[in-house]
Amino acid sequence: MVKINPFVTNGYVSAKYFCDRISEAEMLTRYITNGNNVALISPRRLGKTGLIEHCFLQKQIKNEYYTFLIDIYATKNLQEFVFEFGKGILNSLKPRGKKTWGLFLSCLSSLRASISFDFSGSPSWNLEMGDIKTPTITLDEIFRYLEQADKPCLVSIDEFQVIAKYPENNVEAILRTHIQHCTNVKFIYAGSQRHMMGEIFTNPARPFYQSTAIMDLRPIDIHVYTQFIKKHFEENGKEITEETIHQIYRRFEGVTWYIQFVANLLYTMTAPGEICTIDKVNIAIDNILAQLGFTYSSLLFQLPPKQKEVLMAICKEGKAKEITSSKFLKTYKLTASSVQGAIKGLLDKDFVTCELGEYSIYDKFFESWLKNMIG
């Protein structure tokens, strides 16, 4: 039997390869099984989706609920939101048989003519975006299904904050009204941009104000993560020093995906019977950056000059505060107006993130690649 690399970098495999989050999983499970909607907030790549999948596979949820994972990160308007919402529900229901997905399709009268079936009789969501001619009507139908489903439903919407950027200015109100009147479903709103999620859920002027429990996901404790990594090395006849793990953890500020990615490669680089030592960390990271170099070069090339200048300045700072201050502007030979225009574009494109007034490069591998390039 082929052994799986225990440091999973894509998706959720099983509880065996899921590190910690015991108290968070208990809290999230308790919230959603006791009638609460939840706003789950943390930077991207810290493990929100993995935590939600882990909770959805707990016995008390898996056997009693229909669960749906909807990713709206790439959506730009209500029509695209509805498209991903319907697609996510159908794809989750398909393995449960015709009786289950048949009820969903019977509710989608506005799209029935556009749904096709494969040779085995299973439905396929191979619609064109233009098939959703009246998004509000299709949304009504989706919520009608959720209310009529023969089990209670749990819906996770990933990157929920993007709805605030839709050109339709009433999306929050439309969704809030539907959710208020739908008693058979509870929602997890997962978001990675803290300031936007905060605006949606804590601003008294917004429709979702005080409508959810709020969970703030933090990095896994360094000692817990150290034991997790050591255990998986040892179970497979390998060793890794604590010093090595601490180096990775601190370099990537405890962000789960980067730690997993580096640990995955270090595990590959370590033969049974060998000890993985700290000198291998830079070798592993250099290998990763070499693989990503072409992508990063292309991204940088596409940036307008002013955005590139501000990106480089933030990279040199590491954590940049007061980016329109005279000190920052003088150091990097920038103007206040150019910084203000550039930072909006960098935030919108997810090149840069802002946490509590501190700007930093969102992709930590990209940051390392830029620093190597700057020299």
Protein backbone atom coordinates (compact mmCIF):
# COMPACT_ATOMS: atom_id res chain seq x y z
CA MET A 1 0.00 0.00 0.00
CA VAL A 2 1.37 3.43 -0.98
CA LYS A 3 2.10 5.62 2.05
CA ILE A 4 0.57 9.06 1.99
CA ASN A 5 2.77 12.05 2.79
CA PRO A 6 1.28 13.01 6.18
CA PHE A 7 1.65 16.76 5.59
CA VAL A 8 -1.37 17.47 3.42
CA THR A 9 -1.18 20.66 1.34
CA ASN A 10 -4.45 20.46 -0.58
CA GLY A 11 -7.84 19.82 0.99
CA TYR A 12 -8.83 17.72 3.98
CA VAL A 13 -7.99 14.01 4.11
CA SER A 14 -8.93 12.74 7.57
CA ALA A 15 -8.65 13.51 11.29
CA LYS A 16 -5.32 11.62 11.37
CA TYR A 17 -3.65 14.31 9.24
CA PHE A 18 -5.46 17.23 10.84
CA CYS A 19 -3.44 19.10 13.45
CA ASP A 20 -5.13 20.08 16.72
CA ARG A 21 -7.96 22.66 16.54
CA ILE A 22 -9.67 20.55 19.22
CA SER A 23 -11.22 23.45 21.13
CA GLU A 24 -12.09 25.33 17.91
CA ALA A 25 -13.75 22.25 16.39
CA GLU A 26 -15.78 21.70 19.58
CA MET A 27 -16.85 25.34 19.69
CA LEU A 28 -17.81 25.53 16.00
CA THR A 29 -19.69 22.22 16.20
CA ARG A 30 -21.52 23.39 19.32
CA TYR A 31 -22.52 26.68 17.71
CA ILE A 32 -23.93 25.27 14.47
CA THR A 33 -25.71 22.31 16.08
CA ASN A 34 -27.41 24.62 18.56
CA GLY A 35 -29.04 27.01 16.13
CA ASN A 36 -26.31 29.62 15.63
CA ASN A 37 -24.90 31.10 12.46
CA VAL A 38 -21.13 31.73 12.74
CA ALA A 39 -18.71 34.25 11.21
CA LEU A 40 -15.32 32.50 11.12
CA ILE A 41 -12.55 35.03 10.60
CA SER A 42 -8.83 34.50 10.02
CA PRO A 43 -6.14 35.28 7.44
CA ARG A 44 -6.20 33.00 4.40
CA ARG A 45 -4.26 29.73 4.54
CA LEU A 46 -4.62 29.43 8.31
CA GLY A 47 -6.96 26.44 7.99
CA LYS A 48 -10.55 27.74 8.07
CA THR A 49 -11.79 25.40 5.34
CA GLY A 50 -10.00 22.42 6.86
CA LEU A 51 -11.59 23.16 10.24
CA ILE A 52 -15.06 23.38 8.67
CA GLU A 53 -14.59 20.10 6.75
CA HIS A 54 -13.31 18.46 9.94
CA CYS A 55 -16.44 19.58 11.80
CA PHE A 56 -18.75 18.49 8.97
CA LEU A 57 -17.30 14.97 9.22
CA GLN A 58 -17.98 14.63 12.95
CA LYS A 59 -20.51 11.89 13.59
CA GLN A 60 -23.18 14.17 15.10
CA ILE A 61 -23.10 16.31 11.93
CA LYS A 62 -22.29 13.82 9.17
CA ASN A 63 -25.23 11.55 10.03
CA GLU A 64 -27.80 14.21 10.88
CA TYR A 65 -27.27 17.09 8.43
CA TYR A 66 -26.76 17.90 4.77
CA THR A 67 -23.54 19.92 4.52
CA PHE A 68 -22.52 22.27 1.71
CA LEU A 69 -19.18 24.01 1.09
CA ILE A 70 -19.53 27.03 -1.21
CA ASP A 71 -16.45 28.98 -2.33
CA ILE A 72 -17.32 32.45 -3.66
CA TYR A 73 -13.77 33.88 -3.78
CA ALA A 74 -13.80 34.30 -7.58
CA THR A 75 -17.36 35.68 -7.84
CA LYS A 76 -17.92 39.27 -8.96
CA ASN A 77 -21.70 39.76 -8.66
CA LEU A 78 -24.97 38.23 -7.46
CA GLN A 79 -25.40 36.16 -10.62
CA GLU A 80 -22.02 34.46 -10.08
CA PHE A 81 -22.80 33.98 -6.37
CA VAL A 82 -26.06 32.19 -7.24
CA PHE A 83 -24.22 30.08 -9.84
CA GLU A 84 -21.65 28.86 -7.28
CA PHE A 85 -24.31 28.39 -4.59
CA GLY A 86 -26.45 26.14 -6.79
CA LYS A 87 -23.45 24.26 -8.17
CA GLY A 88 -22.10 23.57 -4.67
CA ILE A 89 -25.42 22.23 -3.44
CA LEU A 90 -25.98 19.94 -6.44
CA ASN A 91 -22.43 18.55 -6.29
CA SER A 92 -22.86 17.74 -2.59
CA LEU A 93 -26.24 16.07 -3.11
CA LYS A 94 -25.32 13.95 -6.16
CA PRO A 95 -23.63 11.12 -4.20
CA ARG A 96 -26.72 10.78 -1.97
CA GLY A 97 -28.97 9.46 -4.74
CA LYS A 98 -31.83 10.53 -6.98
CA LYS A 99 -34.38 11.02 -4.22
CA THR A 100 -32.12 13.59 -2.55
CA TRP A 101 -30.96 15.59 -5.57
CA GLY A 102 -34.36 15.21 -7.23
CA LEU A 103 -35.99 17.41 -4.58
CA PHE A 104 -33.38 20.11 -5.20
CA LEU A 105 -33.93 20.05 -8.98
CA SER A 106 -37.70 20.14 -8.52
CA CYS A 107 -37.27 23.45 -6.67
CA LEU A 108 -35.10 24.94 -9.45
CA SER A 109 -37.87 25.61 -11.92
CA SER A 110 -36.02 28.60 -13.41
CA LEU A 111 -33.07 26.37 -14.42
CA ARG A 112 -34.73 23.01 -15.07
CA ALA A 113 -34.36 23.28 -18.86
CA SER A 114 -30.64 24.00 -18.51
CA ILE A 115 -29.72 21.00 -16.31
CA SER A 116 -28.37 18.03 -18.29
CA PHE A 117 -27.92 14.39 -17.28
CA ASP A 118 -25.08 11.96 -17.95
CA PHE A 119 -25.41 8.36 -19.23
CA SER A 120 -26.07 7.07 -15.69
CA GLY A 121 -28.91 9.54 -15.13
CA SER A 122 -26.98 11.82 -12.76
CA PRO A 123 -27.47 15.57 -13.18
CA SER A 124 -24.61 17.84 -14.26
CA TRP A 125 -24.23 21.52 -13.39
CA ASN A 126 -22.84 22.42 -16.80
CA LEU A 127 -24.78 25.65 -17.09
CA GLU A 128 -23.50 28.80 -18.69
CA MET A 129 -23.53 31.85 -16.46
CA GLY A 130 -26.12 33.38 -18.79
CA ASP A 131 -28.57 30.58 -17.96
CA ILE A 132 -29.19 32.36 -14.65
CA LYS A 133 -31.26 35.16 -16.14
CA THR A 134 -32.92 36.29 -12.91
CA PRO A 135 -30.53 35.63 -9.99
CA THR A 136 -33.01 36.72 -7.31
CA ILE A 137 -35.59 34.19 -8.50
CA THR A 138 -33.03 31.36 -8.63
CA LEU A 139 -31.84 32.37 -5.15
CA ASP A 140 -35.45 32.16 -3.92
CA GLU A 141 -35.61 28.62 -5.32
CA ILE A 142 -32.35 27.55 -3.66
CA PHE A 143 -33.57 28.78 -0.29
CA ARG A 144 -36.93 27.07 -0.89
CA TYR A 145 -35.03 23.79 -1.27
CA LEU A 146 -32.97 24.40 1.89
CA GLU A 147 -36.17 25.02 3.85
CA GLN A 148 -37.88 21.89 2.44
CA ALA A 149 -34.90 19.48 2.67
CA ASP A 150 -35.62 16.32 4.63
CA LYS A 151 -32.65 16.97 6.93
CA PRO A 152 -31.40 20.20 8.50
CA CYS A 153 -28.70 21.85 6.38
CA LEU A 154 -25.37 23.48 7.16
CA VAL A 155 -23.93 25.85 4.55
CA SER A 156 -20.37 27.18 4.67
CA ILE A 157 -19.65 30.17 2.42
CA ASP A 158 -15.92 30.70 1.97
CA GLU A 159 -14.49 34.22 1.45
CA PHE A 160 -17.86 35.69 2.37
CA GLN A 161 -16.50 39.25 2.47
CA VAL A 162 -16.43 39.45 -1.35
CA ILE A 163 -20.21 40.11 -1.35
CA ALA A 164 -19.38 43.61 -0.09
CA LYS A 165 -17.71 44.32 -3.46
CA TYR A 166 -20.62 43.23 -5.66
CA PRO A 167 -22.02 46.01 -7.85
CA GLU A 168 -25.55 45.30 -6.59
CA ASN A 169 -25.81 47.34 -3.40
CA ASN A 170 -28.53 45.26 -1.74
CA VAL A 171 -26.95 41.76 -1.70
CA GLU A 172 -26.38 41.75 2.07
CA ALA A 173 -30.01 42.72 2.69
CA ILE A 174 -31.32 40.08 0.23
CA LEU A 175 -29.26 37.30 1.83
CA ARG A 176 -30.05 38.39 5.38
CA THR A 177 -33.80 38.36 4.63
CA HIS A 178 -33.62 34.85 3.16
CA ILE A 179 -31.51 33.54 6.04
CA GLN A 180 -33.80 35.07 8.68
CA HIS A 181 -36.79 33.23 7.26
CA CYS A 182 -35.07 29.89 6.61
CA THR A 183 -35.28 27.83 9.80
CA ASN A 184 -33.90 24.58 8.38
CA VAL A 185 -30.37 25.87 7.65
CA LYS A 186 -27.47 27.38 9.58
CA PHE A 187 -24.58 29.24 7.96
CA ILE A 188 -20.85 29.54 8.51
CA TYR A 189 -19.54 32.74 6.92
CA ALA A 190 -15.78 32.22 6.54
CA GLY A 191 -13.72 35.27 5.68
CA SER A 192 -10.07 36.24 5.44
CA GLN A 193 -10.19 40.04 5.33
CA ARG A 194 -10.74 41.04 8.93
CA HIS A 195 -11.67 44.68 8.33
CA MET A 196 -14.31 43.79 5.70
CA MET A 197 -15.76 40.95 7.79
CA GLY A 198 -15.82 43.28 10.77
CA GLU A 199 -17.74 45.88 8.76
CA ILE A 200 -20.33 43.30 7.64
CA PHE A 201 -20.97 41.77 11.07
CA THR A 202 -20.22 44.48 13.65
CA ASN A 203 -21.46 47.67 11.95
CA PRO A 204 -24.96 48.55 13.29
CA ALA A 205 -25.89 49.99 9.88
CA ARG A 206 -25.34 46.68 8.04
CA PRO A 207 -27.99 43.91 7.65
CA PHE A 208 -25.86 41.16 9.26
CA TYR A 209 -25.18 43.17 12.44
CA GLN A 210 -25.43 40.95 15.55
CA SER A 211 -26.81 38.04 13.52
CA THR A 212 -23.97 35.60 14.22
CA ALA A 213 -21.56 34.24 16.73
CA ILE A 214 -18.04 35.37 15.79
CA MET A 215 -14.97 33.10 15.92
CA ASP A 216 -11.48 34.49 15.39
CA LEU A 217 -9.11 31.72 14.27
CA ARG A 218 -5.50 32.05 15.42
CA PRO A 219 -2.33 30.08 14.54
CA ILE A 220 -1.94 26.65 16.10
CA ASP A 221 0.34 26.73 19.16
CA ILE A 222 3.99 26.13 18.26
CA HIS A 223 4.41 23.30 20.80
CA VAL A 224 1.29 21.51 19.57
CA TYR A 225 2.43 21.81 15.95
CA THR A 226 5.92 20.60 16.89
CA GLN A 227 4.53 17.41 18.44
CA PHE A 228 2.26 16.83 15.43
CA ILE A 229 5.15 17.06 12.94
CA LYS A 230 7.52 14.96 15.08
CA LYS A 231 4.88 12.27 15.53
CA HIS A 232 4.31 11.85 11.79
CA PHE A 233 8.04 11.71 11.07
CA GLU A 234 8.56 9.10 13.82
CA GLU A 235 5.58 6.98 12.75
CA ASN A 236 7.28 6.63 9.38
CA GLY A 237 10.75 5.79 10.68
CA LYS A 238 12.17 9.32 10.34
CA GLU A 239 13.19 12.06 12.76
CA ILE A 240 13.12 15.85 12.73
CA THR A 241 14.64 18.18 15.30
CA GLU A 242 12.48 20.60 17.27
CA GLU A 243 14.83 23.39 16.20
CA THR A 244 13.96 22.67 12.54
CA ILE A 245 10.21 22.82 13.18
CA HIS A 246 10.53 26.05 15.20
CA GLN A 247 12.48 27.64 12.36
CA ILE A 248 9.68 26.88 9.87
CA TYR A 249 6.95 27.96 12.29
CA ARG A 250 8.55 31.33 13.06
CA ARG A 251 9.54 32.06 9.49
CA PHE A 252 5.94 31.66 8.33
CA GLU A 253 4.34 33.13 11.48
CA GLY A 254 2.46 29.94 12.31
CA VAL A 255 0.38 30.02 9.10
CA THR A 256 -0.74 26.44 8.54
CA TRP A 257 -0.48 26.08 4.76
CA TYR A 258 3.14 27.26 4.52
CA ILE A 259 4.22 25.05 7.42
CA GLN A 260 2.47 22.07 5.82
CA PHE A 261 4.06 22.81 2.44
CA VAL A 262 7.61 22.99 3.82
CA ALA A 263 7.08 19.99 6.14
CA ASN A 264 5.75 18.02 3.15
CA LEU A 265 8.99 18.64 1.22
CA LEU A 266 11.25 18.04 4.24
CA TYR A 267 9.49 14.71 4.81
CA THR A 268 10.20 13.81 1.16
CA MET A 269 13.85 14.87 1.53
CA THR A 270 14.38 12.71 4.65
CA ALA A 271 15.00 8.99 4.14
CA PRO A 272 13.87 6.39 6.73
CA GLY A 273 16.41 6.30 9.54
CA GLU A 274 17.62 9.87 8.84
CA ILE A 275 17.25 12.99 10.96
CA CYS A 276 15.94 16.18 9.33
CA THR A 277 18.03 19.07 10.61
CA ILE A 278 17.73 22.84 10.38
CA ASP A 279 20.17 23.13 7.46
CA LYS A 280 17.57 21.51 5.19
CA VAL A 281 14.98 24.28 5.72
CA ASN A 282 16.56 26.81 3.34
CA ILE A 283 17.19 24.08 0.76
CA ALA A 284 13.50 23.11 0.86
CA ILE A 285 12.31 26.73 0.61
CA ASP A 286 14.71 27.46 -2.26
CA ASN A 287 13.28 24.44 -4.12
CA ILE A 288 9.74 25.71 -3.58
CA LEU A 289 10.63 29.22 -4.75
CA ALA A 290 12.36 27.83 -7.85
CA GLN A 291 9.13 26.00 -8.78
CA LEU A 292 7.08 29.16 -8.25
CA GLY A 293 9.55 31.57 -9.88
CA PHE A 294 7.91 31.71 -13.30
CA THR A 295 4.47 32.42 -11.77
CA TYR A 296 5.84 35.14 -9.52
CA SER A 297 7.81 36.77 -12.37
CA SER A 298 4.61 36.90 -14.44
CA LEU A 299 2.61 38.41 -11.57
CA LEU A 300 5.22 41.09 -10.97
CA PHE A 301 5.46 41.91 -14.67
CA GLN A 302 1.70 42.52 -14.86
CA LEU A 303 1.69 45.07 -12.01
CA PRO A 304 1.54 48.80 -12.88
CA PRO A 305 4.82 50.59 -11.98
CA LYS A 306 3.42 52.47 -8.95
CA GLN A 307 1.91 49.32 -7.46
CA LYS A 308 5.22 47.54 -7.99
CA GLU A 309 7.11 50.33 -6.17
CA VAL A 310 4.75 50.22 -3.18
CA LEU A 311 4.82 46.41 -3.12
CA MET A 312 8.63 46.45 -2.98
CA ALA A 313 8.58 49.07 -0.21
CA ILE A 314 6.20 46.97 1.91
CA CYS A 315 8.35 43.89 1.23
CA LYS A 316 11.46 45.69 2.51
CA GLU A 317 9.59 46.82 5.62
CA GLY A 318 8.17 43.36 6.33
CA LYS A 319 5.32 44.90 8.34
CA ALA A 320 4.59 48.41 7.10
CA LYS A 321 2.69 50.92 9.24
CA GLU A 322 1.68 54.49 8.38
CA ILE A 323 2.48 54.06 4.69
CA THR A 324 1.54 57.68 3.94
CA SER A 325 3.79 59.09 6.68
CA SER A 326 6.63 61.39 5.62
CA LYS A 327 9.18 58.88 6.93
CA PHE A 328 7.86 56.01 4.77
CA LEU A 329 7.45 58.25 1.71
CA LYS A 330 10.92 59.72 2.06
CA THR A 331 12.59 56.34 2.64
CA TYR A 332 11.11 54.82 -0.53
CA LYS A 333 10.90 58.00 -2.66
CA LEU A 334 7.11 57.83 -2.98
CA THR A 335 4.28 60.36 -2.87
CA ALA A 336 1.17 60.13 -0.69
CA SER A 337 -1.18 60.16 -3.69
CA SER A 338 0.70 57.37 -5.50
CA VAL A 339 0.73 55.20 -2.35
CA GLN A 340 -3.00 55.72 -1.77
CA GLY A 341 -3.82 54.76 -5.35
CA ALA A 342 -1.43 51.80 -5.42
CA ILE A 343 -2.42 50.25 -2.09
CA LYS A 344 -6.07 49.99 -3.13
CA GLY A 345 -5.08 47.99 -6.19
CA LEU A 346 -2.69 45.78 -4.22
CA LEU A 347 -5.36 45.02 -1.61
CA ASP A 348 -8.00 44.31 -4.26
CA LYS A 349 -5.66 41.89 -6.06
CA ASP A 350 -4.64 40.19 -2.78
CA PHE A 351 -0.96 41.04 -3.22
CA VAL A 352 -1.08 42.80 0.14
CA THR A 353 -3.10 42.26 3.29
CA CYS A 354 -3.83 44.70 6.11
CA GLU A 355 -4.23 43.58 9.72
CA LEU A 356 -4.80 46.21 12.41
CA GLY A 357 -3.13 48.94 10.34
CA GLU A 358 -0.12 46.81 9.35
CA TYR A 359 0.45 46.09 5.67
CA SER A 360 2.35 42.97 4.60
CA ILE A 361 2.74 40.74 1.54
CA TYR A 362 -0.14 38.27 1.57
CA ASP A 363 1.72 35.30 -0.01
CA LYS A 364 4.68 34.45 2.23
CA PHE A 365 6.43 32.47 -0.49
CA PHE A 366 6.06 35.46 -2.82
CA GLU A 367 7.53 37.66 -0.09
CA SER A 368 10.55 35.34 0.22
CA TRP A 369 10.96 35.31 -3.56
CA LEU A 370 10.83 39.12 -3.71
CA LYS A 371 13.41 39.43 -0.92
CA ASN A 372 15.74 37.08 -2.79
CA MET A 373 15.27 39.17 -5.93
CA ILE A 374 15.89 42.47 -4.10
CA GLY A 375 19.01 40.92 -2.57
